[in-house]
Amino acid sequence: MAVQRDTNDSTGYLRLREAIVRGDLAPNQRLVEADISSMFHLTRGAVRSALLRLEHEGLVEREPHRGARVRQISEQEAVEILQTRAVLEGLAARHAAWNRTEADGAELESILAEQRAALEREDLLGASEINARLHARIIELSDHQTMQRLVRGLKSQTVRFQFRTILLPGRPSHSAREHAAIVAAIVAGDADEAERAMRDHIDHVARALGATGGTAAPRASALG
């Protein structure tokens, strides 16, 4: 029986994008239309449309006569993206401090407690995933749509660097203290301190990433 192909361009784009962001498709991997069509059960037209959108996002690049491939992010570019995120997520923390309710504060403190427990178990992958939830919740609380859109685009490009810093000696404990300072400022409604604490945290992550010198690391869900 013939496999039914998905003709929905939006669905094809989302599925292919997720595969790149998760790391299922590796940096520099060739993206041959026929192979992608077969792998994801998409029409060739849906694949072409998805690749074009992903090229505009910076996740895919095309080369004359060689086709498309997953774009390789350099160490320096990853650091620059983090430096940009520090400014944007600092803004998120500022707005979250303005917008938070008592229930929101309690939720952030609960997520923080989960992360501490994971670190005490030496579950670095689990702590990294909880870190992603904490950052995502703060961004959500900001209710700043433009910032949210920009951060989503930047984060998707640095997936290959996302677990590296937490493997560095001493980094998990530093990260826990930095997150505690961010949450405390948001809960207190101190917008200035919340922004400063978030920017300091991500700046520290950028410096830690730069110090790894290009060492390979496993894939995971969040920097921190």
C-alpha atoms as a PDB file:
ATOM      1  CA  MET A   1       0.000   0.000   0.000  1.00  0.00           C
ATOM      2  CA  ALA A   2       1.373   3.425  -0.927  1.00  0.00           C
ATOM      3  CA  VAL A   3       2.350   5.746   1.921  1.00  0.00           C
ATOM      4  CA  GLN A   4       0.131   8.805   2.043  1.00  0.00           C
ATOM      5  CA  ARG A   5       2.189  12.000   1.820  1.00  0.00           C
ATOM      6  CA  ASP A   6       1.427  15.046   3.951  1.00  0.00           C
ATOM      7  CA  THR A   7       0.752  18.007   1.680  1.00  0.00           C
ATOM      8  CA  ASN A   8       0.428  20.530   4.538  1.00  0.00           C
ATOM      9  CA  ASP A   9       3.396  22.895   4.194  1.00  0.00           C
ATOM     10  CA  SER A  10       3.071  24.161   7.764  1.00  0.00           C
ATOM     11  CA  THR A  11       3.058  20.657   9.233  1.00  0.00           C
ATOM     12  CA  GLY A  12       6.101  19.660   7.200  1.00  0.00           C
ATOM     13  CA  TYR A  13       7.966  22.765   8.295  1.00  0.00           C
ATOM     14  CA  LEU A  14       7.229  22.156  11.979  1.00  0.00           C
ATOM     15  CA  ARG A  15       8.248  18.501  11.841  1.00  0.00           C
ATOM     16  CA  LEU A  16      11.505  19.204  10.035  1.00  0.00           C
ATOM     17  CA  ARG A  17      12.292  22.157  12.287  1.00  0.00           C
ATOM     18  CA  GLU A  18      11.758  20.044  15.400  1.00  0.00           C
ATOM     19  CA  ALA A  19      14.073  17.346  14.054  1.00  0.00           C
ATOM     20  CA  ILE A  20      16.832  19.939  13.585  1.00  0.00           C
ATOM     21  CA  VAL A  21      16.266  21.613  16.965  1.00  0.00           C
ATOM     22  CA  ARG A  22      16.267  18.238  18.757  1.00  0.00           C
ATOM     23  CA  GLY A  23      19.513  17.346  17.021  1.00  0.00           C
ATOM     24  CA  ASP A  24      18.032  14.369  15.133  1.00  0.00           C
ATOM     25  CA  LEU A  25      19.478  15.948  11.992  1.00  0.00           C
ATOM     26  CA  ALA A  26      23.129  16.740  12.666  1.00  0.00           C
ATOM     27  CA  PRO A  27      25.069  19.920  11.851  1.00  0.00           C
ATOM     28  CA  ASN A  28      26.271  19.922   8.224  1.00  0.00           C
ATOM     29  CA  GLN A  29      24.006  16.969   7.383  1.00  0.00           C
ATOM     30  CA  ARG A  30      22.867  17.082   3.754  1.00  0.00           C
ATOM     31  CA  LEU A  31      19.116  17.547   3.372  1.00  0.00           C
ATOM     32  CA  VAL A  32      18.258  15.724   0.157  1.00  0.00           C
ATOM     33  CA  GLU A  33      14.668  16.409  -0.832  1.00  0.00           C
ATOM     34  CA  ALA A  34      13.952  12.810  -1.799  1.00  0.00           C
ATOM     35  CA  ASP A  35      15.370  11.484   1.490  1.00  0.00           C
ATOM     36  CA  ILE A  36      13.498  14.026   3.626  1.00  0.00           C
ATOM     37  CA  SER A  37      10.300  13.312   1.702  1.00  0.00           C
ATOM     38  CA  SER A  38      10.629   9.607   2.447  1.00  0.00           C
ATOM     39  CA  MET A  39      11.744  10.045   6.058  1.00  0.00           C
ATOM     40  CA  PHE A  40       8.913  12.388   7.061  1.00  0.00           C
ATOM     41  CA  HIS A  41       6.243  11.169   4.603  1.00  0.00           C
ATOM     42  CA  LEU A  42       6.042  14.609   3.001  1.00  0.00           C
ATOM     43  CA  THR A  43       5.507  15.629  -0.592  1.00  0.00           C
ATOM     44  CA  ARG A  44       8.497  17.102  -2.382  1.00  0.00           C
ATOM     45  CA  GLY A  45       6.641  20.417  -2.506  1.00  0.00           C
ATOM     46  CA  ALA A  46       6.143  20.412   1.273  1.00  0.00           C
ATOM     47  CA  VAL A  47       9.861  19.636   1.754  1.00  0.00           C
ATOM     48  CA  ARG A  48      10.929  22.501  -0.510  1.00  0.00           C
ATOM     49  CA  SER A  49       8.616  24.909   1.309  1.00  0.00           C
ATOM     50  CA  ALA A  50       9.925  23.784   4.710  1.00  0.00           C
ATOM     51  CA  LEU A  51      13.565  24.111   3.668  1.00  0.00           C
ATOM     52  CA  LEU A  52      12.962  27.629   2.398  1.00  0.00           C
ATOM     53  CA  ARG A  53      11.392  28.722   5.697  1.00  0.00           C
ATOM     54  CA  LEU A  54      14.172  27.076   7.703  1.00  0.00           C
ATOM     55  CA  GLU A  55      16.780  28.822   5.566  1.00  0.00           C
ATOM     56  CA  HIS A  56      15.193  32.157   6.476  1.00  0.00           C
ATOM     57  CA  GLU A  57      15.413  31.178  10.161  1.00  0.00           C
ATOM     58  CA  GLY A  58      19.096  30.354   9.895  1.00  0.00           C
ATOM     59  CA  LEU A  59      18.673  26.644  10.614  1.00  0.00           C
ATOM     60  CA  VAL A  60      19.355  25.515   7.034  1.00  0.00           C
ATOM     61  CA  GLU A  61      21.710  26.825   4.376  1.00  0.00           C
ATOM     62  CA  ARG A  62      21.799  26.200   0.649  1.00  0.00           C
ATOM     63  CA  GLU A  63      24.889  26.014  -1.520  1.00  0.00           C
ATOM     64  CA  PRO A  64      24.874  26.342  -5.312  1.00  0.00           C
ATOM     65  CA  HIS A  65      24.881  22.916  -6.996  1.00  0.00           C
ATOM     66  CA  ARG A  66      25.141  21.151  -3.597  1.00  0.00           C
ATOM     67  CA  GLY A  67      21.664  21.594  -2.149  1.00  0.00           C
ATOM     68  CA  ALA A  68      20.648  22.196   1.449  1.00  0.00           C
ATOM     69  CA  ARG A  69      22.238  21.164   4.721  1.00  0.00           C
ATOM     70  CA  VAL A  70      21.756  21.803   8.432  1.00  0.00           C
ATOM     71  CA  ARG A  71      23.654  24.984   9.210  1.00  0.00           C
ATOM     72  CA  GLN A  72      26.699  24.608  11.462  1.00  0.00           C
ATOM     73  CA  ILE A  73      26.774  27.152  14.288  1.00  0.00           C
ATOM     74  CA  SER A  74      30.301  28.141  15.286  1.00  0.00           C
ATOM     75  CA  GLU A  75      31.436  28.457  18.872  1.00  0.00           C
ATOM     76  CA  GLN A  76      31.796  32.218  18.455  1.00  0.00           C
ATOM     77  CA  GLU A  77      28.318  32.596  16.989  1.00  0.00           C
ATOM     78  CA  ALA A  78      26.835  30.566  19.860  1.00  0.00           C
ATOM     79  CA  VAL A  79      28.504  32.914  22.346  1.00  0.00           C
ATOM     80  CA  GLU A  80      27.172  35.946  20.458  1.00  0.00           C
ATOM     81  CA  ILE A  81      23.670  34.456  20.470  1.00  0.00           C
ATOM     82  CA  LEU A  82      23.900  33.978  24.231  1.00  0.00           C
ATOM     83  CA  GLN A  83      25.054  37.565  24.697  1.00  0.00           C
ATOM     84  CA  THR A  84      22.002  38.695  22.735  1.00  0.00           C
ATOM     85  CA  ARG A  85      19.737  36.420  24.742  1.00  0.00           C
ATOM     86  CA  ALA A  86      21.112  37.962  27.955  1.00  0.00           C
ATOM     87  CA  VAL A  87      19.643  41.312  26.930  1.00  0.00           C
ATOM     88  CA  LEU A  88      16.330  39.866  25.757  1.00  0.00           C
ATOM     89  CA  GLU A  89      15.811  37.510  28.693  1.00  0.00           C
ATOM     90  CA  GLY A  90      16.852  40.280  31.060  1.00  0.00           C
ATOM     91  CA  LEU A  91      13.906  42.204  29.633  1.00  0.00           C
ATOM     92  CA  ALA A  92      11.743  39.123  30.193  1.00  0.00           C
ATOM     93  CA  ALA A  93      12.759  38.951  33.855  1.00  0.00           C
ATOM     94  CA  ARG A  94      12.006  42.663  34.289  1.00  0.00           C
ATOM     95  CA  HIS A  95       8.498  42.258  32.886  1.00  0.00           C
ATOM     96  CA  ALA A  96       7.952  39.030  34.828  1.00  0.00           C
ATOM     97  CA  ALA A  97       8.738  40.931  38.053  1.00  0.00           C
ATOM     98  CA  TRP A  98       6.118  43.497  37.112  1.00  0.00           C
ATOM     99  CA  ASN A  99       3.500  40.924  36.103  1.00  0.00           C
ATOM    100  CA  ARG A 100       3.957  38.107  38.623  1.00  0.00           C
ATOM    101  CA  THR A 101       1.219  37.115  41.028  1.00  0.00           C
ATOM    102  CA  GLU A 102       1.677  35.332  44.337  1.00  0.00           C
ATOM    103  CA  ALA A 103       0.798  32.055  42.608  1.00  0.00           C
ATOM    104  CA  ASP A 104       3.345  32.716  39.861  1.00  0.00           C
ATOM    105  CA  GLY A 105       6.051  33.323  42.456  1.00  0.00           C
ATOM    106  CA  ALA A 106       5.204  30.082  44.210  1.00  0.00           C
ATOM    107  CA  GLU A 107       5.396  28.232  40.888  1.00  0.00           C
ATOM    108  CA  LEU A 108       8.859  29.618  40.125  1.00  0.00           C
ATOM    109  CA  GLU A 109      10.075  28.678  43.599  1.00  0.00           C
ATOM    110  CA  SER A 110       8.697  25.161  43.102  1.00  0.00           C
ATOM    111  CA  ILE A 111      10.557  24.761  39.794  1.00  0.00           C
ATOM    112  CA  LEU A 112      13.706  26.041  41.491  1.00  0.00           C
ATOM    113  CA  ALA A 113      13.302  23.439  44.258  1.00  0.00           C
ATOM    114  CA  GLU A 114      12.970  20.705  41.609  1.00  0.00           C
ATOM    115  CA  GLN A 115      16.213  21.824  40.018  1.00  0.00           C
ATOM    116  CA  ARG A 116      18.047  21.796  43.357  1.00  0.00           C
ATOM    117  CA  ALA A 117      16.785  18.265  44.019  1.00  0.00           C
ATOM    118  CA  ALA A 118      17.984  17.102  40.588  1.00  0.00           C
ATOM    119  CA  LEU A 119      21.430  18.593  41.218  1.00  0.00           C
ATOM    120  CA  GLU A 120      21.608  16.905  44.625  1.00  0.00           C
ATOM    121  CA  ARG A 121      20.933  13.589  42.826  1.00  0.00           C
ATOM    122  CA  GLU A 122      23.652  14.578  40.318  1.00  0.00           C
ATOM    123  CA  ASP A 123      21.039  14.303  37.584  1.00  0.00           C
ATOM    124  CA  LEU A 124      22.549  16.906  35.262  1.00  0.00           C
ATOM    125  CA  LEU A 125      20.277  16.112  32.328  1.00  0.00           C
ATOM    126  CA  GLY A 126      17.221  16.396  34.552  1.00  0.00           C
ATOM    127  CA  ALA A 127      18.494  19.680  36.006  1.00  0.00           C
ATOM    128  CA  SER A 128      19.082  20.988  32.478  1.00  0.00           C
ATOM    129  CA  GLU A 129      15.528  20.147  31.445  1.00  0.00           C
ATOM    130  CA  ILE A 130      14.135  21.845  34.564  1.00  0.00           C
ATOM    131  CA  ASN A 131      16.281  24.855  33.765  1.00  0.00           C
ATOM    132  CA  ALA A 132      14.551  25.060  30.392  1.00  0.00           C
ATOM    133  CA  ARG A 133      11.174  25.068  32.144  1.00  0.00           C
ATOM    134  CA  LEU A 134      12.259  27.839  34.496  1.00  0.00           C
ATOM    135  CA  HIS A 135      13.490  30.085  31.684  1.00  0.00           C
ATOM    136  CA  ALA A 136      10.397  29.317  29.599  1.00  0.00           C
ATOM    137  CA  ARG A 137       8.065  30.190  32.478  1.00  0.00           C
ATOM    138  CA  ILE A 138       9.826  33.489  33.142  1.00  0.00           C
ATOM    139  CA  ILE A 139       9.600  34.349  29.447  1.00  0.00           C
ATOM    140  CA  GLU A 140       5.914  33.422  29.467  1.00  0.00           C
ATOM    141  CA  LEU A 141       5.250  35.578  32.545  1.00  0.00           C
ATOM    142  CA  SER A 142       6.779  38.566  30.764  1.00  0.00           C
ATOM    143  CA  ASP A 143       3.842  38.629  28.332  1.00  0.00           C
ATOM    144  CA  HIS A 144       6.200  40.379  25.890  1.00  0.00           C
ATOM    145  CA  GLN A 145       5.328  38.926  22.493  1.00  0.00           C
ATOM    146  CA  THR A 146       8.141  40.470  20.432  1.00  0.00           C
ATOM    147  CA  MET A 147      10.821  39.380  22.883  1.00  0.00           C
ATOM    148  CA  GLN A 148       9.342  35.864  23.042  1.00  0.00           C
ATOM    149  CA  ARG A 149       9.483  35.508  19.259  1.00  0.00           C
ATOM    150  CA  LEU A 150      13.092  36.671  19.090  1.00  0.00           C
ATOM    151  CA  VAL A 151      14.227  34.385  21.911  1.00  0.00           C
ATOM    152  CA  ARG A 152      12.563  31.348  20.326  1.00  0.00           C
ATOM    153  CA  GLY A 153      14.477  31.946  17.117  1.00  0.00           C
ATOM    154  CA  LEU A 154      17.812  32.394  18.886  1.00  0.00           C
ATOM    155  CA  LYS A 155      17.431  29.366  21.165  1.00  0.00           C
ATOM    156  CA  SER A 156      16.665  27.046  18.262  1.00  0.00           C
ATOM    157  CA  GLN A 157      20.078  27.776  16.732  1.00  0.00           C
ATOM    158  CA  THR A 158      22.181  26.823  19.766  1.00  0.00           C
ATOM    159  CA  VAL A 159      20.788  23.381  20.562  1.00  0.00           C
ATOM    160  CA  ARG A 160      24.163  21.701  20.011  1.00  0.00           C
ATOM    161  CA  PHE A 161      25.764  23.778  22.762  1.00  0.00           C
ATOM    162  CA  GLN A 162      22.959  23.480  25.256  1.00  0.00           C
ATOM    163  CA  PHE A 163      24.297  20.830  27.613  1.00  0.00           C
ATOM    164  CA  ARG A 164      27.955  21.703  27.498  1.00  0.00           C
ATOM    165  CA  THR A 165      28.284  24.281  30.271  1.00  0.00           C
ATOM    166  CA  ILE A 166      26.534  22.247  32.943  1.00  0.00           C
ATOM    167  CA  LEU A 167      29.274  19.613  32.560  1.00  0.00           C
ATOM    168  CA  LEU A 168      31.963  22.072  33.611  1.00  0.00           C
ATOM    169  CA  PRO A 169      33.290  21.672  37.177  1.00  0.00           C
ATOM    170  CA  GLY A 170      31.467  24.020  39.541  1.00  0.00           C
ATOM    171  CA  ARG A 171      29.015  25.265  36.915  1.00  0.00           C
ATOM    172  CA  PRO A 172      25.911  23.467  38.312  1.00  0.00           C
ATOM    173  CA  SER A 173      26.281  25.079  41.752  1.00  0.00           C
ATOM    174  CA  HIS A 174      26.908  28.511  40.210  1.00  0.00           C
ATOM    175  CA  SER A 175      23.842  28.068  38.007  1.00  0.00           C
ATOM    176  CA  ALA A 176      21.673  27.145  41.000  1.00  0.00           C
ATOM    177  CA  ARG A 177      22.723  30.293  42.872  1.00  0.00           C
ATOM    178  CA  GLU A 178      22.139  32.456  39.810  1.00  0.00           C
ATOM    179  CA  HIS A 179      18.659  31.019  39.275  1.00  0.00           C
ATOM    180  CA  ALA A 180      17.848  31.546  42.956  1.00  0.00           C
ATOM    181  CA  ALA A 181      18.789  35.232  42.639  1.00  0.00           C
ATOM    182  CA  ILE A 182      16.598  35.621  39.531  1.00  0.00           C
ATOM    183  CA  VAL A 183      13.577  33.991  41.162  1.00  0.00           C
ATOM    184  CA  ALA A 184      13.998  35.913  44.423  1.00  0.00           C
ATOM    185  CA  ALA A 185      14.019  39.225  42.549  1.00  0.00           C
ATOM    186  CA  ILE A 186      10.954  38.322  40.494  1.00  0.00           C
ATOM    187  CA  VAL A 187       9.044  37.149  43.570  1.00  0.00           C
ATOM    188  CA  ALA A 188       9.957  40.392  45.346  1.00  0.00           C
ATOM    189  CA  GLY A 189       8.802  42.432  42.361  1.00  0.00           C
ATOM    190  CA  ASP A 190      12.248  44.006  42.011  1.00  0.00           C
ATOM    191  CA  ALA A 191      12.375  44.561  38.255  1.00  0.00           C
ATOM    192  CA  ASP A 192      15.830  46.155  38.209  1.00  0.00           C
ATOM    193  CA  GLU A 193      17.409  43.313  40.174  1.00  0.00           C
ATOM    194  CA  ALA A 194      15.537  40.648  38.182  1.00  0.00           C
ATOM    195  CA  GLU A 195      16.895  42.036  34.910  1.00  0.00           C
ATOM    196  CA  ARG A 196      20.425  42.346  36.297  1.00  0.00           C
ATOM    197  CA  ALA A 197      20.394  38.818  37.736  1.00  0.00           C
ATOM    198  CA  MET A 198      19.162  37.276  34.485  1.00  0.00           C
ATOM    199  CA  ARG A 199      21.688  39.161  32.358  1.00  0.00           C
ATOM    200  CA  ASP A 200      24.502  38.171  34.712  1.00  0.00           C
ATOM    201  CA  HIS A 201      23.389  34.528  34.588  1.00  0.00           C
ATOM    202  CA  ILE A 202      23.344  34.249  30.802  1.00  0.00           C
ATOM    203  CA  ASP A 203      26.561  36.256  30.482  1.00  0.00           C
ATOM    204  CA  HIS A 204      28.201  33.707  32.806  1.00  0.00           C
ATOM    205  CA  VAL A 205      26.865  30.896  30.596  1.00  0.00           C
ATOM    206  CA  ALA A 206      28.340  32.603  27.528  1.00  0.00           C
ATOM    207  CA  ARG A 207      31.731  32.896  29.187  1.00  0.00           C
ATOM    208  CA  ALA A 208      31.588  29.273  30.318  1.00  0.00           C
ATOM    209  CA  LEU A 209      30.731  28.152  26.785  1.00  0.00           C
ATOM    210  CA  GLY A 210      33.619  30.158  25.372  1.00  0.00           C
ATOM    211  CA  ALA A 211      35.927  28.443  27.854  1.00  0.00           C
ATOM    212  CA  THR A 212      35.047  24.958  26.558  1.00  0.00           C
ATOM    213  CA  GLY A 213      37.179  25.525  23.470  1.00  0.00           C
ATOM    214  CA  GLY A 214      34.959  23.620  21.061  1.00  0.00           C
ATOM    215  CA  THR A 215      34.747  20.407  23.071  1.00  0.00           C
ATOM    216  CA  ALA A 216      31.906  18.172  21.919  1.00  0.00           C
ATOM    217  CA  ALA A 217      29.013  17.629  24.293  1.00  0.00           C
ATOM    218  CA  PRO A 218      25.788  15.635  24.414  1.00  0.00           C
ATOM    219  CA  ARG A 219      22.515  17.149  23.318  1.00  0.00           C
ATOM    220  CA  ALA A 220      20.000  18.274  25.922  1.00  0.00           C
ATOM    221  CA  SER A 221      17.326  20.847  26.468  1.00  0.00           C
ATOM    222  CA  ALA A 222      18.742  23.948  28.098  1.00  0.00           C
ATOM    223  CA  LEU A 223      21.747  26.045  28.790  1.00  0.00           C
ATOM    224  CA  GLY A 224      22.522  26.889  32.350  1.00  0.00           C
END
